[in-house]
Amino acid sequence: MKHIIPYFLVLLCSIVSCQLNRNTKNADYDVDIQSTAESLTLFGENLISTSLYERDLAINPQGNEIIFTLGDYKQSRRVLVILREINGIWRKPEVMNISGRYHDIEPFFANNGNRLFFASNRPINQDSTRNDYNIWYSDKIENIWTEPLALDTVVNTRGNEFFPSLSEKGNLFFTATRQNGIGREDIFVSEFKGGKFQSPIPLPKEINSTLFEFNAYISPKEDFIVFSSFGREDGFGGGDLYFSSKDETGNWSPSKNMGKLINSNKLDYSPFIDWKNHNFYFSSERIIENNTELKSIDGIKHIANDVMNGFGNIYKIGLDKIENMN
């Protein structure tokens, strides 16, 4: 049995790699991140957004690396995938050298793109009893991502820690469920002082509620936050994106739903903002309903393998096009 599991993992990674190659075999790798999207756009159709499950986009400050999470249809396996622009040409997506064995999700670039934070269920200190999600980081040295290290126990517990996002100050915002929280899942901040992360505290009631708040992106100056929440009265269904801003006194404004242009009746989450090119990115499980009569098995296969099959894609829209944020 011990030999079967590693073989299965290798086989499954091979299947994912083959799927990537099949989806990109005849594709144009010219990924457009520089232009500001005039409307809600499926990002990288058939290259990044495919019939598999894509989520959690991150773009480095130089604009020449894109990392996102790729999963199978049920997200029973999830890996970090990277695209690199070399000499002005985008190369095909590849599973990162630090990923492929465990569930790795929710990447975030820091340290001018030379450090990658992410969440993973890989065991801490080789403790095989651990399968909870924790926050890890990897440094890029001579263009190679190094073996990931886990943050210490001030941040990482035996509960789950998700979706790291860091400000220019180095303060870490993340998702967790803790006794000092406000709701069933909350957004916390751990200040970075003296080279160490401090004890995390939950964000105030303007952001956290007694329900579920998760996957928060913090602006570099910590004056703007976008996050998902599930169960609010003004929600559209499966979990919506909200935002809040800080005023001159440093207080957060009551959070607002980002509206029906962004949110659907499915799960909308994992926000990211490319401030340089003024684009807002997020993940969504929205689906295009196909109510045509099915007369063949091929018809079912076509729906199942369509990009808009509801298994998760990444979307892009210009910041100035989002009505509630202006």
C-alpha atoms as a PDB file:
ATOM      1  CA  MET A   1       0.000   0.000   0.000  1.00  0.00           C
ATOM      2  CA  LYS A   2       2.891   2.369   0.790  1.00  0.00           C
ATOM      3  CA  HIS A   3       4.160   1.995  -2.784  1.00  0.00           C
ATOM      4  CA  ILE A   4       0.745   2.450  -4.399  1.00  0.00           C
ATOM      5  CA  ILE A   5       0.105   5.950  -3.022  1.00  0.00           C
ATOM      6  CA  PRO A   6       3.309   7.587  -4.357  1.00  0.00           C
ATOM      7  CA  TYR A   7       2.713   5.900  -7.719  1.00  0.00           C
ATOM      8  CA  PHE A   8      -0.832   7.279  -7.785  1.00  0.00           C
ATOM      9  CA  LEU A   9       0.437  10.806  -7.048  1.00  0.00           C
ATOM     10  CA  VAL A  10       2.998  10.616  -9.846  1.00  0.00           C
ATOM     11  CA  LEU A  11       0.358   9.279 -12.228  1.00  0.00           C
ATOM     12  CA  LEU A  12      -2.101  12.016 -11.351  1.00  0.00           C
ATOM     13  CA  CYS A  13       0.516  14.768 -11.769  1.00  0.00           C
ATOM     14  CA  SER A  14       1.307  13.243 -15.158  1.00  0.00           C
ATOM     15  CA  ILE A  15      -2.387  13.403 -16.098  1.00  0.00           C
ATOM     16  CA  VAL A  16      -2.568  17.077 -15.096  1.00  0.00           C
ATOM     17  CA  SER A  17       0.596  17.806 -17.085  1.00  0.00           C
ATOM     18  CA  CYS A  18      -0.836  16.047 -20.120  1.00  0.00           C
ATOM     19  CA  GLN A  19      -4.057  18.036 -19.784  1.00  0.00           C
ATOM     20  CA  LEU A  20      -2.031  21.250 -19.735  1.00  0.00           C
ATOM     21  CA  ASN A  21      -0.123  20.180 -22.827  1.00  0.00           C
ATOM     22  CA  ARG A  22      -3.319  19.173 -24.601  1.00  0.00           C
ATOM     23  CA  ASN A  23      -5.039  22.463 -23.779  1.00  0.00           C
ATOM     24  CA  THR A  24      -2.044  24.536 -24.902  1.00  0.00           C
ATOM     25  CA  LYS A  25      -0.678  22.439 -27.741  1.00  0.00           C
ATOM     26  CA  ASN A  26      -1.927  24.739 -30.479  1.00  0.00           C
ATOM     27  CA  ALA A  27      -2.458  27.819 -28.320  1.00  0.00           C
ATOM     28  CA  ASP A  28      -1.030  31.272 -28.743  1.00  0.00           C
ATOM     29  CA  TYR A  29       0.833  31.998 -25.510  1.00  0.00           C
ATOM     30  CA  ASP A  30       0.439  35.769 -25.877  1.00  0.00           C
ATOM     31  CA  VAL A  31      -1.160  36.538 -22.498  1.00  0.00           C
ATOM     32  CA  ASP A  32      -2.554  40.060 -22.232  1.00  0.00           C
ATOM     33  CA  ILE A  33      -2.065  41.577 -18.796  1.00  0.00           C
ATOM     34  CA  GLN A  34      -1.090  45.086 -19.908  1.00  0.00           C
ATOM     35  CA  SER A  35      -4.352  46.330 -21.393  1.00  0.00           C
ATOM     36  CA  THR A  36      -7.146  47.403 -19.057  1.00  0.00           C
ATOM     37  CA  ALA A  37     -10.219  45.223 -19.615  1.00  0.00           C
ATOM     38  CA  GLU A  38     -13.215  47.225 -20.843  1.00  0.00           C
ATOM     39  CA  SER A  39     -15.679  44.594 -19.662  1.00  0.00           C
ATOM     40  CA  LEU A  40     -15.748  41.395 -17.638  1.00  0.00           C
ATOM     41  CA  THR A  41     -13.439  39.044 -19.503  1.00  0.00           C
ATOM     42  CA  LEU A  42     -12.564  35.393 -19.128  1.00  0.00           C
ATOM     43  CA  PHE A  43      -8.821  35.556 -18.577  1.00  0.00           C
ATOM     44  CA  GLY A  44      -6.584  33.436 -20.808  1.00  0.00           C
ATOM     45  CA  GLU A  45      -9.354  31.280 -22.260  1.00  0.00           C
ATOM     46  CA  ASN A  46      -8.107  27.777 -23.156  1.00  0.00           C
ATOM     47  CA  LEU A  47      -4.685  28.625 -21.743  1.00  0.00           C
ATOM     48  CA  ILE A  48      -5.273  29.719 -18.150  1.00  0.00           C
ATOM     49  CA  SER A  49      -9.047  29.353 -17.886  1.00  0.00           C
ATOM     50  CA  THR A  50      -9.820  25.866 -19.211  1.00  0.00           C
ATOM     51  CA  SER A  51     -12.240  23.006 -18.576  1.00  0.00           C
ATOM     52  CA  LEU A  52     -10.216  22.145 -15.464  1.00  0.00           C
ATOM     53  CA  TYR A  53     -10.537  24.091 -12.194  1.00  0.00           C
ATOM     54  CA  GLU A  54      -8.533  27.349 -12.107  1.00  0.00           C
ATOM     55  CA  ARG A  55      -8.389  29.866  -9.258  1.00  0.00           C
ATOM     56  CA  ASP A  56      -6.100  32.160  -7.209  1.00  0.00           C
ATOM     57  CA  LEU A  57      -4.208  34.354  -9.671  1.00  0.00           C
ATOM     58  CA  ALA A  58      -1.005  36.234  -8.775  1.00  0.00           C
ATOM     59  CA  ILE A  59       1.126  38.419 -11.078  1.00  0.00           C
ATOM     60  CA  ASN A  60       4.630  39.463 -10.065  1.00  0.00           C
ATOM     61  CA  PRO A  61       5.538  43.204  -9.977  1.00  0.00           C
ATOM     62  CA  GLN A  62       7.633  42.902 -13.139  1.00  0.00           C
ATOM     63  CA  GLY A  63       4.658  41.496 -15.039  1.00  0.00           C
ATOM     64  CA  ASN A  64       6.591  38.545 -16.422  1.00  0.00           C
ATOM     65  CA  GLU A  65       5.371  35.739 -14.149  1.00  0.00           C
ATOM     66  CA  ILE A  66       1.836  34.538 -13.527  1.00  0.00           C
ATOM     67  CA  ILE A  67       1.025  31.890 -10.934  1.00  0.00           C
ATOM     68  CA  PHE A  68      -2.377  30.325 -10.345  1.00  0.00           C
ATOM     69  CA  THR A  69      -3.927  27.236  -8.796  1.00  0.00           C
ATOM     70  CA  LEU A  70      -4.961  24.384 -11.066  1.00  0.00           C
ATOM     71  CA  GLY A  71      -7.145  21.523  -9.903  1.00  0.00           C
ATOM     72  CA  ASP A  72      -8.976  18.610 -11.398  1.00  0.00           C
ATOM     73  CA  TYR A  73     -12.755  18.731 -11.737  1.00  0.00           C
ATOM     74  CA  LYS A  74     -13.408  17.925  -8.075  1.00  0.00           C
ATOM     75  CA  GLN A  75     -10.314  19.749  -6.740  1.00  0.00           C
ATOM     76  CA  SER A  76      -9.178  16.429  -5.343  1.00  0.00           C
ATOM     77  CA  ARG A  77      -5.663  17.500  -6.424  1.00  0.00           C
ATOM     78  CA  ARG A  78      -4.446  21.092  -6.670  1.00  0.00           C
ATOM     79  CA  VAL A  79      -1.095  22.407  -7.834  1.00  0.00           C
ATOM     80  CA  LEU A  80       0.566  25.770  -8.415  1.00  0.00           C
ATOM     81  CA  VAL A  81       1.120  26.518 -12.094  1.00  0.00           C
ATOM     82  CA  ILE A  82       3.471  29.176 -13.466  1.00  0.00           C
ATOM     83  CA  LEU A  83       3.666  31.026 -16.783  1.00  0.00           C
ATOM     84  CA  ARG A  84       6.842  32.943 -17.598  1.00  0.00           C
ATOM     85  CA  GLU A  85       7.468  35.643 -20.158  1.00  0.00           C
ATOM     86  CA  ILE A  86      10.931  35.197 -21.647  1.00  0.00           C
ATOM     87  CA  ASN A  87      12.238  37.618 -24.283  1.00  0.00           C
ATOM     88  CA  GLY A  88       8.746  38.993 -24.773  1.00  0.00           C
ATOM     89  CA  ILE A  89       7.162  35.563 -25.314  1.00  0.00           C
ATOM     90  CA  TRP A  90       4.922  33.767 -22.818  1.00  0.00           C
ATOM     91  CA  ARG A  91       5.892  30.135 -22.348  1.00  0.00           C
ATOM     92  CA  LYS A  92       3.356  27.375 -21.796  1.00  0.00           C
ATOM     93  CA  PRO A  93       2.030  26.775 -18.253  1.00  0.00           C
ATOM     94  CA  GLU A  94       4.060  24.406 -16.089  1.00  0.00           C
ATOM     95  CA  VAL A  95       3.570  22.891 -12.653  1.00  0.00           C
ATOM     96  CA  MET A  96       5.966  24.732 -10.332  1.00  0.00           C
ATOM     97  CA  ASN A  97       9.037  22.877  -9.131  1.00  0.00           C
ATOM     98  CA  ILE A  98       7.863  23.337  -5.511  1.00  0.00           C
ATOM     99  CA  SER A  99       4.408  21.904  -6.160  1.00  0.00           C
ATOM    100  CA  GLY A 100       2.759  18.667  -7.276  1.00  0.00           C
ATOM    101  CA  ARG A 101       2.808  16.410  -4.246  1.00  0.00           C
ATOM    102  CA  TYR A 102       0.415  18.155  -1.864  1.00  0.00           C
ATOM    103  CA  HIS A 103      -2.499  20.557  -2.145  1.00  0.00           C
ATOM    104  CA  ASP A 104      -0.894  23.929  -2.896  1.00  0.00           C
ATOM    105  CA  ILE A 105      -3.187  26.926  -3.360  1.00  0.00           C
ATOM    106  CA  GLU A 106      -3.533  30.720  -3.112  1.00  0.00           C
ATOM    107  CA  PRO A 107      -0.165  32.190  -4.218  1.00  0.00           C
ATOM    108  CA  PHE A 108       0.938  35.737  -3.370  1.00  0.00           C
ATOM    109  CA  PHE A 109       4.107  37.508  -4.533  1.00  0.00           C
ATOM    110  CA  ALA A 110       6.131  39.530  -2.015  1.00  0.00           C
ATOM    111  CA  ASN A 111       9.654  40.989  -1.740  1.00  0.00           C
ATOM    112  CA  ASN A 112       9.429  42.503  -5.242  1.00  0.00           C
ATOM    113  CA  GLY A 113       8.419  39.133  -6.677  1.00  0.00           C
ATOM    114  CA  ASN A 114      11.271  37.156  -5.123  1.00  0.00           C
ATOM    115  CA  ARG A 115       9.209  35.534  -2.372  1.00  0.00           C
ATOM    116  CA  LEU A 116       6.052  33.509  -2.890  1.00  0.00           C
ATOM    117  CA  PHE A 117       3.597  32.924  -0.057  1.00  0.00           C
ATOM    118  CA  PHE A 118       0.940  30.238  -0.454  1.00  0.00           C
ATOM    119  CA  ALA A 119      -1.283  27.869   1.503  1.00  0.00           C
ATOM    120  CA  SER A 120      -0.571  24.144   1.571  1.00  0.00           C
ATOM    121  CA  ASN A 121      -1.562  21.004   3.440  1.00  0.00           C
ATOM    122  CA  ARG A 122       1.971  19.608   3.290  1.00  0.00           C
ATOM    123  CA  PRO A 123       3.075  18.270   6.714  1.00  0.00           C
ATOM    124  CA  ILE A 124       5.010  20.639   8.961  1.00  0.00           C
ATOM    125  CA  ASN A 125       8.347  19.275  10.244  1.00  0.00           C
ATOM    126  CA  GLN A 126       7.640  15.975   8.489  1.00  0.00           C
ATOM    127  CA  ASP A 127       4.741  15.370  10.873  1.00  0.00           C
ATOM    128  CA  SER A 128       2.660  12.822   8.975  1.00  0.00           C
ATOM    129  CA  THR A 129      -0.297  13.429  11.317  1.00  0.00           C
ATOM    130  CA  ARG A 130      -0.677  16.963   9.944  1.00  0.00           C
ATOM    131  CA  ASN A 131      -2.885  17.577   6.910  1.00  0.00           C
ATOM    132  CA  ASP A 132      -4.237  20.989   7.887  1.00  0.00           C
ATOM    133  CA  TYR A 133      -3.557  23.982   5.651  1.00  0.00           C
ATOM    134  CA  ASN A 134      -0.787  26.346   6.719  1.00  0.00           C
ATOM    135  CA  ILE A 135       0.994  29.319   5.205  1.00  0.00           C
ATOM    136  CA  TRP A 136       4.328  28.635   3.541  1.00  0.00           C
ATOM    137  CA  TYR A 137       6.823  30.653   1.542  1.00  0.00           C
ATOM    138  CA  SER A 138       9.516  30.029  -1.044  1.00  0.00           C
ATOM    139  CA  ASP A 139      12.309  32.365  -2.178  1.00  0.00           C
ATOM    140  CA  LYS A 140      13.463  32.709  -5.749  1.00  0.00           C
ATOM    141  CA  ILE A 141      17.247  32.413  -5.907  1.00  0.00           C
ATOM    142  CA  GLU A 142      19.002  32.504  -9.280  1.00  0.00           C
ATOM    143  CA  ASN A 143      15.572  32.117 -10.900  1.00  0.00           C
ATOM    144  CA  ILE A 144      14.827  28.878  -9.008  1.00  0.00           C
ATOM    145  CA  TRP A 145      12.119  28.609  -6.349  1.00  0.00           C
ATOM    146  CA  THR A 146      13.610  27.118  -3.182  1.00  0.00           C
ATOM    147  CA  GLU A 147      12.207  24.446  -0.877  1.00  0.00           C
ATOM    148  CA  PRO A 148       9.214  26.011   0.926  1.00  0.00           C
ATOM    149  CA  LEU A 149       9.337  26.889   4.613  1.00  0.00           C
ATOM    150  CA  ALA A 150       6.358  27.136   6.954  1.00  0.00           C
ATOM    151  CA  LEU A 151       5.671  30.239   9.013  1.00  0.00           C
ATOM    152  CA  ASP A 152       6.052  29.695  12.747  1.00  0.00           C
ATOM    153  CA  THR A 153       3.322  28.784  15.212  1.00  0.00           C
ATOM    154  CA  VAL A 154       2.390  32.415  15.854  1.00  0.00           C
ATOM    155  CA  VAL A 155       0.595  32.217  12.499  1.00  0.00           C
ATOM    156  CA  ASN A 156       0.295  28.514  11.738  1.00  0.00           C
ATOM    157  CA  THR A 157      -1.802  26.362  14.069  1.00  0.00           C
ATOM    158  CA  ARG A 158      -3.305  22.900  13.849  1.00  0.00           C
ATOM    159  CA  GLY A 159      -6.345  24.611  12.379  1.00  0.00           C
ATOM    160  CA  ASN A 160      -6.396  25.899   8.807  1.00  0.00           C
ATOM    161  CA  GLU A 161      -4.723  29.087   7.618  1.00  0.00           C
ATOM    162  CA  PHE A 162      -5.565  30.256   4.108  1.00  0.00           C
ATOM    163  CA  PHE A 163      -5.005  32.955   1.506  1.00  0.00           C
ATOM    164  CA  PRO A 164      -1.939  34.989   2.518  1.00  0.00           C
ATOM    165  CA  SER A 165      -1.826  38.618   1.370  1.00  0.00           C
ATOM    166  CA  LEU A 166       0.868  41.069   2.438  1.00  0.00           C
ATOM    167  CA  SER A 167       1.087  44.854   2.467  1.00  0.00           C
ATOM    168  CA  GLU A 168       4.155  47.006   1.826  1.00  0.00           C
ATOM    169  CA  LYS A 169       4.782  46.969   5.581  1.00  0.00           C
ATOM    170  CA  GLY A 170       5.036  43.187   5.498  1.00  0.00           C
ATOM    171  CA  ASN A 171       1.869  42.753   7.525  1.00  0.00           C
ATOM    172  CA  LEU A 172       0.163  39.453   6.771  1.00  0.00           C
ATOM    173  CA  PHE A 173      -3.590  39.169   6.169  1.00  0.00           C
ATOM    174  CA  PHE A 174      -5.046  35.663   6.061  1.00  0.00           C
ATOM    175  CA  THR A 175      -8.154  33.544   6.646  1.00  0.00           C
ATOM    176  CA  ALA A 176      -8.679  31.334   9.704  1.00  0.00           C
ATOM    177  CA  THR A 177     -11.177  30.116  12.279  1.00  0.00           C
ATOM    178  CA  ARG A 178      -9.987  30.960  15.799  1.00  0.00           C
ATOM    179  CA  GLN A 179     -11.352  31.462  19.292  1.00  0.00           C
ATOM    180  CA  ASN A 180     -10.636  35.186  19.193  1.00  0.00           C
ATOM    181  CA  GLY A 181     -12.491  35.541  15.901  1.00  0.00           C
ATOM    182  CA  ILE A 182     -15.860  37.121  15.255  1.00  0.00           C
ATOM    183  CA  GLY A 183     -17.575  34.557  13.042  1.00  0.00           C
ATOM    184  CA  ARG A 184     -17.346  31.058  11.659  1.00  0.00           C
ATOM    185  CA  GLU A 185     -14.404  32.058   9.450  1.00  0.00           C
ATOM    186  CA  ASP A 186     -12.620  35.398   9.675  1.00  0.00           C
ATOM    187  CA  ILE A 187      -9.911  37.567   8.194  1.00  0.00           C
ATOM    188  CA  PHE A 188      -6.938  38.155  10.494  1.00  0.00           C
ATOM    189  CA  VAL A 189      -3.888  40.400  10.367  1.00  0.00           C
ATOM    190  CA  SER A 190      -0.469  39.630  11.795  1.00  0.00           C
ATOM    191  CA  GLU A 191       1.775  42.670  12.042  1.00  0.00           C
ATOM    192  CA  PHE A 192       5.395  42.300  11.012  1.00  0.00           C
ATOM    193  CA  LYS A 193       7.622  43.871  13.674  1.00  0.00           C
ATOM    194  CA  GLY A 194      11.271  43.310  14.486  1.00  0.00           C
ATOM    195  CA  GLY A 195      11.541  40.760  11.708  1.00  0.00           C
ATOM    196  CA  LYS A 196       8.759  38.598  13.144  1.00  0.00           C
ATOM    197  CA  PHE A 197       5.035  38.155  12.680  1.00  0.00           C
ATOM    198  CA  GLN A 198       3.041  39.132  15.752  1.00  0.00           C
ATOM    199  CA  SER A 199       0.001  37.430  17.259  1.00  0.00           C
ATOM    200  CA  PRO A 200      -2.842  37.682  14.712  1.00  0.00           C
ATOM    201  CA  ILE A 201      -5.975  39.702  15.471  1.00  0.00           C
ATOM    202  CA  PRO A 202      -9.288  39.653  13.578  1.00  0.00           C
ATOM    203  CA  LEU A 203     -10.253  42.618  11.439  1.00  0.00           C
ATOM    204  CA  PRO A 204     -13.176  44.662  12.854  1.00  0.00           C
ATOM    205  CA  LYS A 205     -16.910  44.197  12.386  1.00  0.00           C
ATOM    206  CA  GLU A 206     -16.875  46.457   9.319  1.00  0.00           C
ATOM    207  CA  ILE A 207     -15.261  43.488   7.562  1.00  0.00           C
ATOM    208  CA  ASN A 208     -15.781  40.371   9.673  1.00  0.00           C
ATOM    209  CA  SER A 209     -19.272  39.206  10.615  1.00  0.00           C
ATOM    210  CA  THR A 210     -20.735  36.256  12.482  1.00  0.00           C
ATOM    211  CA  LEU A 211     -20.815  34.434   9.129  1.00  0.00           C
ATOM    212  CA  PHE A 212     -17.997  33.449   6.744  1.00  0.00           C
ATOM    213  CA  GLU A 213     -15.355  35.939   5.593  1.00  0.00           C
ATOM    214  CA  PHE A 214     -12.402  34.638   3.634  1.00  0.00           C
ATOM    215  CA  ASN A 215      -9.814  35.170   0.885  1.00  0.00           C
ATOM    216  CA  ALA A 216      -8.915  38.818   1.481  1.00  0.00           C
ATOM    217  CA  TYR A 217      -6.623  40.800  -0.809  1.00  0.00           C
ATOM    218  CA  ILE A 218      -5.024  43.809   0.908  1.00  0.00           C
ATOM    219  CA  SER A 219      -3.774  46.827  -1.025  1.00  0.00           C
ATOM    220  CA  PRO A 220      -0.053  47.685  -0.703  1.00  0.00           C
ATOM    221  CA  LYS A 221      -0.771  50.653   1.596  1.00  0.00           C
ATOM    222  CA  GLU A 222      -3.416  48.777   3.611  1.00  0.00           C
ATOM    223  CA  ASP A 223      -6.063  51.340   2.696  1.00  0.00           C
ATOM    224  CA  PHE A 224      -8.296  49.011   0.658  1.00  0.00           C
ATOM    225  CA  ILE A 225      -9.388  45.409   1.057  1.00  0.00           C
ATOM    226  CA  VAL A 226     -11.405  43.007  -1.093  1.00  0.00           C
ATOM    227  CA  PHE A 227     -12.691  39.741   0.337  1.00  0.00           C
ATOM    228  CA  SER A 228     -15.401  37.111   0.001  1.00  0.00           C
ATOM    229  CA  SER A 229     -18.292  36.483   2.347  1.00  0.00           C
ATOM    230  CA  PHE A 230     -20.995  33.861   2.393  1.00  0.00           C
ATOM    231  CA  GLY A 231     -24.476  34.133   3.867  1.00  0.00           C
ATOM    232  CA  ARG A 232     -25.049  37.898   3.958  1.00  0.00           C
ATOM    233  CA  GLU A 233     -28.501  39.262   3.228  1.00  0.00           C
ATOM    234  CA  ASP A 234     -27.287  41.262   0.221  1.00  0.00           C
ATOM    235  CA  GLY A 235     -25.483  38.270  -1.281  1.00  0.00           C
ATOM    236  CA  PHE A 236     -26.306  36.815  -4.693  1.00  0.00           C
ATOM    237  CA  GLY A 237     -25.911  33.162  -3.756  1.00  0.00           C
ATOM    238  CA  GLY A 238     -22.785  31.074  -3.449  1.00  0.00           C
ATOM    239  CA  GLY A 239     -20.437  33.598  -1.850  1.00  0.00           C
ATOM    240  CA  ASP A 240     -19.793  37.176  -2.972  1.00  0.00           C
ATOM    241  CA  LEU A 241     -16.943  39.665  -3.192  1.00  0.00           C
ATOM    242  CA  TYR A 242     -17.042  42.727  -0.918  1.00  0.00           C
ATOM    243  CA  PHE A 243     -14.739  45.685  -0.363  1.00  0.00           C
ATOM    244  CA  SER A 244     -13.907  48.234   2.326  1.00  0.00           C
ATOM    245  CA  SER A 245     -11.699  51.335   2.459  1.00  0.00           C
ATOM    246  CA  LYS A 246      -9.857  53.083   5.288  1.00  0.00           C
ATOM    247  CA  ASP A 247     -10.674  56.712   6.022  1.00  0.00           C
ATOM    248  CA  GLU A 248      -8.208  59.404   7.082  1.00  0.00           C
ATOM    249  CA  THR A 249      -8.470  58.315  10.709  1.00  0.00           C
ATOM    250  CA  GLY A 250      -7.507  54.728   9.866  1.00  0.00           C
ATOM    251  CA  ASN A 251     -10.981  53.238  10.356  1.00  0.00           C
ATOM    252  CA  TRP A 252     -12.507  50.788   7.906  1.00  0.00           C
ATOM    253  CA  SER A 253     -15.742  51.722   6.150  1.00  0.00           C
ATOM    254  CA  PRO A 254     -18.697  49.298   6.282  1.00  0.00           C
ATOM    255  CA  SER A 255     -18.058  46.704   3.598  1.00  0.00           C
ATOM    256  CA  LYS A 256     -20.074  46.807   0.373  1.00  0.00           C
ATOM    257  CA  ASN A 257     -21.098  44.123  -2.068  1.00  0.00           C
ATOM    258  CA  MET A 258     -19.276  44.603  -5.387  1.00  0.00           C
ATOM    259  CA  GLY A 259     -22.506  44.187  -7.319  1.00  0.00           C
ATOM    260  CA  LYS A 260     -23.977  41.948  -9.980  1.00  0.00           C
ATOM    261  CA  LEU A 261     -21.308  42.762 -12.575  1.00  0.00           C
ATOM    262  CA  ILE A 262     -18.762  40.958 -10.401  1.00  0.00           C
ATOM    263  CA  ASN A 263     -20.870  38.597  -8.311  1.00  0.00           C
ATOM    264  CA  SER A 264     -23.039  35.737  -9.538  1.00  0.00           C
ATOM    265  CA  ASN A 265     -25.266  33.143  -7.919  1.00  0.00           C
ATOM    266  CA  LYS A 266     -22.193  30.889  -7.690  1.00  0.00           C
ATOM    267  CA  LEU A 267     -18.997  31.215  -5.653  1.00  0.00           C
ATOM    268  CA  ASP A 268     -16.982  34.363  -6.475  1.00  0.00           C
ATOM    269  CA  TYR A 269     -13.697  34.679  -4.589  1.00  0.00           C
ATOM    270  CA  SER A 270      -9.867  34.890  -4.615  1.00  0.00           C
ATOM    271  CA  PRO A 271      -9.450  38.567  -5.600  1.00  0.00           C
ATOM    272  CA  PHE A 272      -6.249  40.116  -6.925  1.00  0.00           C
ATOM    273  CA  ILE A 273      -5.552  43.647  -8.153  1.00  0.00           C
ATOM    274  CA  ASP A 274      -2.925  44.554 -10.734  1.00  0.00           C
ATOM    275  CA  TRP A 275      -2.491  48.217  -9.780  1.00  0.00           C
ATOM    276  CA  LYS A 276       0.010  48.898 -12.553  1.00  0.00           C
ATOM    277  CA  ASN A 277      -2.429  47.974 -15.307  1.00  0.00           C
ATOM    278  CA  HIS A 278      -5.602  48.843 -13.352  1.00  0.00           C
ATOM    279  CA  ASN A 279      -7.175  45.413 -13.567  1.00  0.00           C
ATOM    280  CA  PHE A 280      -9.190  43.458 -11.046  1.00  0.00           C
ATOM    281  CA  TYR A 281      -8.966  39.651 -11.164  1.00  0.00           C
ATOM    282  CA  PHE A 282     -11.036  37.075  -9.338  1.00  0.00           C
ATOM    283  CA  SER A 283     -12.057  33.418  -9.456  1.00  0.00           C
ATOM    284  CA  SER A 284     -15.601  32.251 -10.088  1.00  0.00           C
ATOM    285  CA  GLU A 285     -17.611  29.066 -10.406  1.00  0.00           C
ATOM    286  CA  ARG A 286     -20.242  30.789 -12.566  1.00  0.00           C
ATOM    287  CA  ILE A 287     -21.649  28.704 -15.360  1.00  0.00           C
ATOM    288  CA  ILE A 288     -23.408  29.257 -18.671  1.00  0.00           C
ATOM    289  CA  GLU A 289     -26.574  27.223 -18.485  1.00  0.00           C
ATOM    290  CA  ASN A 290     -27.103  24.900 -21.431  1.00  0.00           C
ATOM    291  CA  ASN A 291     -30.736  23.805 -21.612  1.00  0.00           C
ATOM    292  CA  THR A 292     -30.652  22.305 -25.079  1.00  0.00           C
ATOM    293  CA  GLU A 293     -32.035  18.805 -25.394  1.00  0.00           C
ATOM    294  CA  LEU A 294     -29.302  16.205 -25.157  1.00  0.00           C
ATOM    295  CA  LYS A 295     -29.546  13.576 -27.865  1.00  0.00           C
ATOM    296  CA  SER A 296     -26.136  11.983 -27.655  1.00  0.00           C
ATOM    297  CA  ILE A 297     -23.338  11.162 -25.269  1.00  0.00           C
ATOM    298  CA  ASP A 298     -21.119  13.529 -27.223  1.00  0.00           C
ATOM    299  CA  GLY A 299     -23.478  16.334 -26.227  1.00  0.00           C
ATOM    300  CA  ILE A 300     -22.893  15.596 -22.544  1.00  0.00           C
ATOM    301  CA  LYS A 301     -19.151  15.396 -23.134  1.00  0.00           C
ATOM    302  CA  HIS A 302     -19.215  18.762 -24.879  1.00  0.00           C
ATOM    303  CA  ILE A 303     -20.912  20.413 -21.897  1.00  0.00           C
ATOM    304  CA  ALA A 304     -18.604  18.690 -19.410  1.00  0.00           C
ATOM    305  CA  ASN A 305     -15.468  19.755 -21.265  1.00  0.00           C
ATOM    306  CA  ASP A 306     -16.540  23.317 -21.986  1.00  0.00           C
ATOM    307  CA  VAL A 307     -14.568  26.122 -20.337  1.00  0.00           C
ATOM    308  CA  MET A 308     -17.809  27.395 -18.787  1.00  0.00           C
ATOM    309  CA  ASN A 309     -18.662  24.089 -17.104  1.00  0.00           C
ATOM    310  CA  GLY A 310     -18.705  25.699 -13.646  1.00  0.00           C
ATOM    311  CA  PHE A 311     -15.501  24.134 -12.347  1.00  0.00           C
ATOM    312  CA  GLY A 312     -13.819  27.475 -11.798  1.00  0.00           C
ATOM    313  CA  ASN A 313     -12.211  30.106 -14.014  1.00  0.00           C
ATOM    314  CA  ILE A 314     -10.347  33.377 -13.618  1.00  0.00           C
ATOM    315  CA  TYR A 315     -11.891  36.690 -14.702  1.00  0.00           C
ATOM    316  CA  LYS A 316     -10.497  40.142 -15.400  1.00  0.00           C
ATOM    317  CA  ILE A 317     -12.065  43.616 -15.512  1.00  0.00           C
ATOM    318  CA  GLY A 318     -10.750  47.181 -15.402  1.00  0.00           C
ATOM    319  CA  LEU A 319     -10.957  48.831 -11.989  1.00  0.00           C
ATOM    320  CA  ASP A 320     -12.714  51.856 -13.472  1.00  0.00           C
ATOM    321  CA  LYS A 321     -15.505  49.624 -14.776  1.00  0.00           C
ATOM    322  CA  ILE A 322     -16.578  48.435 -11.339  1.00  0.00           C
ATOM    323  CA  GLU A 323     -19.420  50.763 -10.416  1.00  0.00           C
ATOM    324  CA  ASN A 324     -19.519  50.249  -6.646  1.00  0.00           C
ATOM    325  CA  MET A 325     -15.804  50.975  -6.273  1.00  0.00           C
ATOM    326  CA  ASN A 326     -15.904  54.407  -7.939  1.00  0.00           C
END
